[in-house]
Amino acid sequence: RRSEPNATPYARQPAMRPAQSDLVNILSSLEAHWHVLEAEVVEIGSDIEHCKLCSKKYGDWFDSPLQFLQELQRMKKEKMKEILVAMESFNNNLQGGRKLVRTLERTAPVAVLHAPAKPVTLLRDPRGRERRAAAGRGCAFTFR
C-alpha cells in the first residue's frame, strides 16, 4: 500500500480520526457551555441585586423571586463545577496516558506499523509458519 504524500500520522490511522474529532467536539462544547453559563450567572447576579433592592423598597413581594433567582444561580454554578471536573478529568487522563507511554517506551519499545485497511498481527503457528490474525481495532504492532 502506498502512503499518500503529505499525509499526517492521523490520516493513516482511520480509527484515530473519529476519536480525535469526538474529543475536540466534546472539549469545544464544554467550553462553549461554560461561557454561556458564566454569562447567565453574571446576569442572574445582577438580577438578584435588583431584586434585593426591590425587596427592601417594596417588601415581601420580592422574596419568592429572590429565592428563585438564588436557586437558579446555585444550579448554574453547580453545572460550571461539573464542567471543570470533566475538563480536569480529561487533563488528568491525558497526562496519565503520556506518562504511561513514556514508561512503556522505556521498558517495552514497539515499532508502530502504518495501519493497513484491516489491521493484522503476524503470529507463528506451532510449526513456525507465519499466520495473520486480526489485531485490535485500528492497531497493528510489531514487537522488538
N, C-alpha and C. Protein backbone atom coordinates (compact mmCIF):
# COMPACT_ATOMS: atom_id res chain seq x y z
N ARG A 1 0.85 -1.18 0.00
CA ARG A 1 0.00 0.00 0.00
C ARG A 1 0.88 1.23 0.00
N ARG A 2 0.63 2.14 -0.87
CA ARG A 2 1.40 3.39 -0.94
C ARG A 2 0.86 4.38 0.07
N SER A 3 1.79 5.16 0.62
CA SER A 3 1.32 6.22 1.52
C SER A 3 1.12 7.48 0.71
N GLU A 4 0.10 8.21 1.09
CA GLU A 4 -0.20 9.45 0.37
C GLU A 4 0.82 10.50 0.75
N PRO A 5 1.25 11.34 -0.22
CA PRO A 5 2.18 12.41 0.12
C PRO A 5 1.52 13.41 1.07
N ASN A 6 2.32 13.97 1.94
CA ASN A 6 1.87 14.96 2.91
C ASN A 6 0.80 14.43 3.87
N ALA A 7 0.71 13.12 4.01
CA ALA A 7 -0.29 12.54 4.91
C ALA A 7 0.22 12.64 6.35
N THR A 8 -0.64 13.04 7.24
CA THR A 8 -0.28 13.09 8.65
C THR A 8 -0.41 11.70 9.23
N PRO A 9 0.20 11.44 10.39
CA PRO A 9 0.04 10.12 11.01
C PRO A 9 -1.43 9.79 11.25
N TYR A 10 -2.25 10.81 11.57
CA TYR A 10 -3.67 10.55 11.83
C TYR A 10 -4.40 10.15 10.56
N ALA A 11 -3.95 10.67 9.41
CA ALA A 11 -4.61 10.31 8.15
C ALA A 11 -4.39 8.85 7.84
N ARG A 12 -3.29 8.27 8.32
CA ARG A 12 -3.01 6.86 8.07
C ARG A 12 -3.65 5.97 9.11
N GLN A 13 -4.26 6.54 10.14
CA GLN A 13 -4.88 5.77 11.19
C GLN A 13 -6.37 6.12 11.25
N PRO A 14 -7.17 5.49 10.41
CA PRO A 14 -8.59 5.85 10.34
C PRO A 14 -9.31 5.78 11.69
N ALA A 15 -8.92 4.87 12.56
CA ALA A 15 -9.61 4.74 13.85
C ALA A 15 -9.33 5.94 14.74
N MET A 16 -8.24 6.66 14.52
CA MET A 16 -7.89 7.79 15.37
C MET A 16 -8.71 9.03 15.03
N ARG A 17 -9.05 9.20 13.75
CA ARG A 17 -9.77 10.42 13.35
C ARG A 17 -11.09 10.60 14.07
N PRO A 18 -11.96 9.59 14.13
CA PRO A 18 -13.24 9.79 14.84
C PRO A 18 -13.03 10.08 16.33
N ALA A 19 -12.08 9.40 16.97
CA ALA A 19 -11.83 9.63 18.39
C ALA A 19 -11.29 11.02 18.62
N GLN A 20 -10.35 11.46 17.77
CA GLN A 20 -9.79 12.80 17.90
C GLN A 20 -10.87 13.84 17.67
N SER A 21 -11.68 13.64 16.65
CA SER A 21 -12.76 14.57 16.33
C SER A 21 -13.77 14.62 17.47
N ASP A 22 -14.11 13.47 18.02
CA ASP A 22 -15.06 13.41 19.12
C ASP A 22 -14.52 14.14 20.35
N LEU A 23 -13.24 13.95 20.65
CA LEU A 23 -12.63 14.62 21.79
C LEU A 23 -12.64 16.13 21.59
N VAL A 24 -12.28 16.59 20.41
CA VAL A 24 -12.27 18.03 20.12
C VAL A 24 -13.69 18.59 20.23
N ASN A 25 -14.67 17.87 19.70
CA ASN A 25 -16.06 18.33 19.78
C ASN A 25 -16.54 18.42 21.23
N ILE A 26 -16.21 17.44 22.03
CA ILE A 26 -16.64 17.45 23.44
C ILE A 26 -15.99 18.61 24.18
N LEU A 27 -14.68 18.78 24.00
CA LEU A 27 -13.99 19.87 24.70
C LEU A 27 -14.50 21.23 24.24
N SER A 28 -14.73 21.38 22.96
CA SER A 28 -15.26 22.65 22.44
C SER A 28 -16.66 22.92 22.98
N SER A 29 -17.47 21.89 23.02
CA SER A 29 -18.84 22.04 23.53
C SER A 29 -18.83 22.39 25.02
N LEU A 30 -17.98 21.73 25.79
CA LEU A 30 -17.89 22.05 27.22
C LEU A 30 -17.45 23.50 27.43
N GLU A 31 -16.48 23.95 26.64
CA GLU A 31 -16.02 25.33 26.75
C GLU A 31 -17.13 26.31 26.39
N ALA A 32 -17.88 26.02 25.32
CA ALA A 32 -18.98 26.89 24.92
C ALA A 32 -20.06 26.96 26.01
N HIS A 33 -20.40 25.80 26.57
CA HIS A 33 -21.39 25.78 27.66
C HIS A 33 -20.90 26.56 28.87
N TRP A 34 -19.59 26.45 29.16
CA TRP A 34 -19.02 27.21 30.27
C TRP A 34 -19.25 28.71 30.08
N HIS A 35 -18.95 29.21 28.87
CA HIS A 35 -19.10 30.64 28.61
C HIS A 35 -20.55 31.09 28.71
N VAL A 36 -21.46 30.27 28.22
CA VAL A 36 -22.89 30.61 28.32
C VAL A 36 -23.31 30.64 29.79
N LEU A 37 -22.94 29.62 30.54
CA LEU A 37 -23.29 29.58 31.97
C LEU A 37 -22.67 30.75 32.73
N GLU A 38 -21.44 31.09 32.40
CA GLU A 38 -20.77 32.21 33.05
C GLU A 38 -21.55 33.52 32.82
N ALA A 39 -21.97 33.74 31.58
CA ALA A 39 -22.74 34.95 31.27
C ALA A 39 -24.09 34.93 32.00
N GLU A 40 -24.72 33.76 32.06
CA GLU A 40 -26.00 33.65 32.76
C GLU A 40 -25.85 33.93 34.26
N VAL A 41 -24.78 33.42 34.86
CA VAL A 41 -24.55 33.64 36.29
C VAL A 41 -24.34 35.12 36.57
N VAL A 42 -23.60 35.80 35.71
CA VAL A 42 -23.40 37.25 35.88
C VAL A 42 -24.73 37.99 35.78
N GLU A 43 -25.53 37.64 34.78
CA GLU A 43 -26.83 38.29 34.59
C GLU A 43 -27.76 38.00 35.78
N ILE A 44 -27.77 36.77 36.24
CA ILE A 44 -28.61 36.40 37.38
C ILE A 44 -28.13 37.15 38.63
N GLY A 45 -26.82 37.30 38.79
CA GLY A 45 -26.28 38.05 39.92
C GLY A 45 -26.76 39.48 39.92
N SER A 46 -26.79 40.08 38.74
CA SER A 46 -27.31 41.44 38.60
C SER A 46 -28.80 41.50 38.97
N ASP A 47 -29.55 40.50 38.49
CA ASP A 47 -30.99 40.45 38.80
C ASP A 47 -31.23 40.24 40.29
N ILE A 48 -30.38 39.46 40.93
CA ILE A 48 -30.50 39.24 42.37
C ILE A 48 -30.32 40.56 43.12
N GLU A 49 -29.33 41.34 42.71
CA GLU A 49 -29.09 42.63 43.36
C GLU A 49 -30.30 43.56 43.18
N HIS A 50 -30.86 43.58 41.96
CA HIS A 50 -32.05 44.41 41.72
C HIS A 50 -33.23 43.92 42.56
N CYS A 51 -33.37 42.60 42.65
CA CYS A 51 -34.48 42.03 43.42
C CYS A 51 -34.32 42.35 44.91
N LYS A 52 -33.08 42.35 45.41
CA LYS A 52 -32.84 42.71 46.81
C LYS A 52 -33.25 44.17 47.07
N LEU A 53 -32.91 45.03 46.13
CA LEU A 53 -33.29 46.44 46.27
C LEU A 53 -34.81 46.59 46.28
N CYS A 54 -35.46 45.85 45.35
CA CYS A 54 -36.93 45.91 45.30
C CYS A 54 -37.55 45.34 46.57
N SER A 55 -36.95 44.30 47.10
CA SER A 55 -37.46 43.69 48.33
C SER A 55 -37.38 44.68 49.49
N LYS A 56 -36.27 45.41 49.57
CA LYS A 56 -36.14 46.44 50.62
C LYS A 56 -37.16 47.56 50.42
N LYS A 57 -37.35 47.91 49.16
CA LYS A 57 -38.22 49.04 48.84
C LYS A 57 -39.70 48.69 48.95
N TYR A 58 -40.08 47.49 48.45
CA TYR A 58 -41.50 47.14 48.35
C TYR A 58 -41.93 46.01 49.29
N GLY A 59 -41.01 45.40 49.99
CA GLY A 59 -41.38 44.39 50.98
C GLY A 59 -41.31 42.96 50.47
N ASP A 60 -42.10 42.10 51.12
CA ASP A 60 -42.05 40.65 50.93
C ASP A 60 -42.44 40.15 49.54
N TRP A 61 -43.04 41.00 48.74
CA TRP A 61 -43.46 40.58 47.42
C TRP A 61 -42.29 40.03 46.59
N PHE A 62 -41.09 40.46 46.86
CA PHE A 62 -39.92 40.07 46.06
C PHE A 62 -39.10 38.95 46.69
N ASP A 63 -39.55 38.43 47.84
CA ASP A 63 -38.80 37.33 48.49
C ASP A 63 -38.82 36.05 47.66
N SER A 64 -39.98 35.69 47.14
CA SER A 64 -40.10 34.47 46.34
C SER A 64 -39.26 34.55 45.05
N PRO A 65 -39.36 35.66 44.27
CA PRO A 65 -38.49 35.76 43.09
C PRO A 65 -37.00 35.77 43.45
N LEU A 66 -36.67 36.37 44.59
CA LEU A 66 -35.28 36.41 45.04
C LEU A 66 -34.78 35.00 45.33
N GLN A 67 -35.59 34.21 46.01
CA GLN A 67 -35.21 32.83 46.31
C GLN A 67 -35.06 32.01 45.03
N PHE A 68 -35.98 32.23 44.09
CA PHE A 68 -35.90 31.54 42.81
C PHE A 68 -34.59 31.86 42.10
N LEU A 69 -34.24 33.14 42.04
CA LEU A 69 -33.01 33.56 41.35
C LEU A 69 -31.77 33.02 42.05
N GLN A 70 -31.78 33.00 43.37
CA GLN A 70 -30.64 32.47 44.10
C GLN A 70 -30.46 30.96 43.84
N GLU A 71 -31.57 30.24 43.78
CA GLU A 71 -31.50 28.80 43.48
C GLU A 71 -31.04 28.58 42.04
N LEU A 72 -31.55 29.38 41.13
CA LEU A 72 -31.14 29.27 39.73
C LEU A 72 -29.65 29.53 39.58
N GLN A 73 -29.15 30.55 40.27
CA GLN A 73 -27.72 30.86 40.21
C GLN A 73 -26.90 29.71 40.80
N ARG A 74 -27.38 29.14 41.90
CA ARG A 74 -26.68 28.00 42.51
C ARG A 74 -26.60 26.82 41.54
N MET A 75 -27.71 26.53 40.85
CA MET A 75 -27.75 25.42 39.90
C MET A 75 -26.78 25.67 38.73
N LYS A 76 -26.73 26.89 38.23
CA LYS A 76 -25.83 27.23 37.12
C LYS A 76 -24.37 27.08 37.55
N LYS A 77 -24.06 27.54 38.77
CA LYS A 77 -22.70 27.42 39.28
C LYS A 77 -22.32 25.95 39.46
N GLU A 78 -23.29 25.14 39.88
CA GLU A 78 -23.05 23.70 40.04
C GLU A 78 -22.71 23.05 38.68
N LYS A 79 -23.42 23.46 37.64
CA LYS A 79 -23.12 22.95 36.29
C LYS A 79 -21.72 23.37 35.86
N MET A 80 -21.34 24.60 36.22
CA MET A 80 -19.99 25.08 35.89
C MET A 80 -18.93 24.23 36.61
N LYS A 81 -19.21 23.84 37.85
CA LYS A 81 -18.29 22.97 38.59
C LYS A 81 -18.18 21.61 37.91
N GLU A 82 -19.31 21.09 37.43
CA GLU A 82 -19.29 19.80 36.72
C GLU A 82 -18.42 19.89 35.47
N ILE A 83 -18.52 21.00 34.76
CA ILE A 83 -17.69 21.19 33.56
C ILE A 83 -16.22 21.21 33.96
N LEU A 84 -15.89 21.93 35.03
CA LEU A 84 -14.50 21.97 35.49
C LEU A 84 -13.99 20.57 35.84
N VAL A 85 -14.81 19.79 36.54
CA VAL A 85 -14.41 18.43 36.91
C VAL A 85 -14.16 17.59 35.65
N ALA A 86 -15.04 17.71 34.65
CA ALA A 86 -14.87 16.96 33.41
C ALA A 86 -13.59 17.38 32.68
N MET A 87 -13.33 18.68 32.62
CA MET A 87 -12.13 19.17 31.96
C MET A 87 -10.88 18.71 32.70
N GLU A 88 -10.90 18.75 34.03
CA GLU A 88 -9.76 18.28 34.82
C GLU A 88 -9.56 16.79 34.61
N SER A 89 -10.65 16.05 34.49
CA SER A 89 -10.55 14.61 34.25
C SER A 89 -9.90 14.33 32.89
N PHE A 90 -10.32 15.08 31.85
CA PHE A 90 -9.67 14.94 30.54
C PHE A 90 -8.18 15.22 30.66
N ASN A 91 -7.83 16.29 31.35
CA ASN A 91 -6.43 16.67 31.50
C ASN A 91 -5.64 15.60 32.25
N ASN A 92 -6.21 15.09 33.35
CA ASN A 92 -5.53 14.04 34.13
C ASN A 92 -5.35 12.77 33.31
N ASN A 93 -6.38 12.39 32.55
CA ASN A 93 -6.27 11.20 31.71
C ASN A 93 -5.21 11.38 30.64
N LEU A 94 -5.15 12.57 30.06
CA LEU A 94 -4.15 12.85 29.04
C LEU A 94 -2.75 12.78 29.63
N GLN A 95 -2.56 13.40 30.79
CA GLN A 95 -1.24 13.36 31.44
C GLN A 95 -0.87 11.94 31.84
N GLY A 96 -1.85 11.20 32.36
CA GLY A 96 -1.60 9.81 32.73
C GLY A 96 -1.25 8.96 31.52
N GLY A 97 -1.92 9.20 30.41
CA GLY A 97 -1.62 8.48 29.18
C GLY A 97 -0.21 8.78 28.67
N ARG A 98 0.17 10.06 28.72
CA ARG A 98 1.53 10.44 28.30
C ARG A 98 2.58 9.77 29.17
N LYS A 99 2.34 9.77 30.48
CA LYS A 99 3.28 9.15 31.42
C LYS A 99 3.39 7.65 31.14
N LEU A 100 2.26 7.01 30.91
CA LEU A 100 2.26 5.58 30.61
C LEU A 100 3.02 5.29 29.32
N VAL A 101 2.81 6.10 28.29
CA VAL A 101 3.52 5.91 27.02
C VAL A 101 5.02 6.05 27.23
N ARG A 102 5.45 7.07 27.97
CA ARG A 102 6.90 7.25 28.24
C ARG A 102 7.46 6.03 28.96
N THR A 103 6.73 5.53 29.95
CA THR A 103 7.19 4.36 30.69
C THR A 103 7.27 3.15 29.78
N LEU A 104 6.23 2.94 28.98
CA LEU A 104 6.22 1.80 28.06
C LEU A 104 7.33 1.90 27.03
N GLU A 105 7.58 3.10 26.53
CA GLU A 105 8.63 3.27 25.53
C GLU A 105 10.00 2.96 26.11
N ARG A 106 10.20 3.24 27.40
CA ARG A 106 11.48 2.93 28.03
C ARG A 106 11.62 1.45 28.33
N THR A 107 10.53 0.81 28.76
CA THR A 107 10.61 -0.57 29.23
C THR A 107 10.28 -1.61 28.17
N ALA A 108 9.42 -1.29 27.22
CA ALA A 108 8.99 -2.28 26.21
C ALA A 108 8.77 -1.57 24.88
N PRO A 109 9.85 -1.18 24.18
CA PRO A 109 9.67 -0.43 22.93
C PRO A 109 8.97 -1.26 21.86
N VAL A 110 8.15 -0.58 21.09
CA VAL A 110 7.46 -1.20 19.96
C VAL A 110 7.60 -0.30 18.76
N ALA A 111 7.54 -0.91 17.58
CA ALA A 111 7.51 -0.12 16.36
C ALA A 111 6.09 -0.16 15.84
N VAL A 112 5.46 0.96 15.69
CA VAL A 112 4.09 1.02 15.21
C VAL A 112 4.11 0.99 13.70
N LEU A 113 3.38 0.05 13.13
CA LEU A 113 3.27 -0.05 11.68
C LEU A 113 2.23 0.92 11.17
N HIS A 114 2.34 1.27 9.92
CA HIS A 114 1.25 2.03 9.30
C HIS A 114 0.08 1.07 9.22
N ALA A 115 -1.02 1.45 9.80
CA ALA A 115 -2.17 0.56 9.89
C ALA A 115 -2.74 0.29 8.51
N PRO A 116 -2.82 -0.98 8.11
CA PRO A 116 -3.47 -1.32 6.85
C PRO A 116 -4.98 -1.16 6.97
N ALA A 117 -5.66 -1.33 5.85
CA ALA A 117 -7.12 -1.19 5.87
C ALA A 117 -7.72 -2.12 6.92
N LYS A 118 -7.24 -3.36 6.99
CA LYS A 118 -7.64 -4.30 8.03
C LYS A 118 -6.40 -4.62 8.85
N PRO A 119 -6.28 -4.08 10.06
CA PRO A 119 -5.08 -4.30 10.85
C PRO A 119 -4.85 -5.78 11.13
N VAL A 120 -3.60 -6.20 11.04
CA VAL A 120 -3.24 -7.59 11.29
C VAL A 120 -1.99 -7.64 12.14
N THR A 121 -1.80 -8.75 12.82
CA THR A 121 -0.57 -9.03 13.54
C THR A 121 -0.06 -10.37 13.04
N LEU A 122 1.22 -10.44 12.77
CA LEU A 122 1.79 -11.70 12.33
C LEU A 122 2.03 -12.59 13.54
N LEU A 123 1.57 -13.82 13.45
CA LEU A 123 1.76 -14.80 14.51
C LEU A 123 2.44 -16.02 13.91
N ARG A 124 3.04 -16.84 14.75
CA ARG A 124 3.64 -18.09 14.27
C ARG A 124 2.83 -19.25 14.85
N ASP A 125 2.55 -20.19 13.97
CA ASP A 125 1.84 -21.37 14.45
C ASP A 125 2.86 -22.30 15.09
N PRO A 126 2.42 -23.43 15.66
CA PRO A 126 3.35 -24.33 16.35
C PRO A 126 4.48 -24.84 15.45
N ARG A 127 4.30 -24.87 14.14
CA ARG A 127 5.35 -25.34 13.22
C ARG A 127 6.28 -24.21 12.79
N GLY A 128 6.04 -22.99 13.29
CA GLY A 128 6.93 -21.88 12.97
C GLY A 128 6.52 -21.09 11.74
N ARG A 129 5.38 -21.44 11.11
CA ARG A 129 4.92 -20.70 9.93
C ARG A 129 4.19 -19.45 10.38
N GLU A 130 4.37 -18.36 9.63
CA GLU A 130 3.68 -17.12 9.96
C GLU A 130 2.21 -17.20 9.60
N ARG A 131 1.36 -16.64 10.47
CA ARG A 131 -0.07 -16.55 10.22
C ARG A 131 -0.47 -15.11 10.44
N ARG A 132 -1.57 -14.73 9.81
CA ARG A 132 -2.13 -13.41 10.05
C ARG A 132 -3.36 -13.58 10.93
N ALA A 133 -3.44 -12.69 11.90
CA ALA A 133 -4.61 -12.70 12.79
C ALA A 133 -5.04 -11.26 12.98
N ALA A 134 -6.34 -11.07 13.06
CA ALA A 134 -6.85 -9.70 13.24
C ALA A 134 -6.33 -9.14 14.55
N ALA A 135 -5.87 -7.92 14.48
CA ALA A 135 -5.40 -7.23 15.69
C ALA A 135 -6.57 -6.46 16.29
N GLY A 136 -6.30 -5.78 17.39
CA GLY A 136 -7.32 -4.94 17.99
C GLY A 136 -7.75 -3.86 17.02
N ARG A 137 -8.88 -3.28 17.25
CA ARG A 137 -9.46 -2.27 16.35
C ARG A 137 -8.48 -1.13 16.10
N GLY A 138 -8.03 -0.99 14.87
CA GLY A 138 -7.17 0.12 14.50
C GLY A 138 -5.73 -0.03 14.96
N CYS A 139 -5.34 -1.22 15.45
CA CYS A 139 -3.98 -1.39 15.96
C CYS A 139 -3.26 -2.48 15.20
N ALA A 140 -2.01 -2.24 14.88
CA ALA A 140 -1.14 -3.28 14.34
C ALA A 140 0.25 -2.98 14.85
N PHE A 141 0.84 -3.94 15.54
CA PHE A 141 2.13 -3.70 16.17
C PHE A 141 3.13 -4.79 15.80
N THR A 142 4.40 -4.46 15.76
CA THR A 142 5.48 -5.43 15.67
C THR A 142 6.34 -5.23 16.90
N PHE A 143 6.54 -6.29 17.67
CA PHE A 143 7.31 -6.18 18.87
C PHE A 143 8.77 -6.46 18.57
N ARG A 144 9.65 -5.67 19.18
CA ARG A 144 11.10 -5.87 19.00
C ARG A 144 11.61 -6.80 20.06
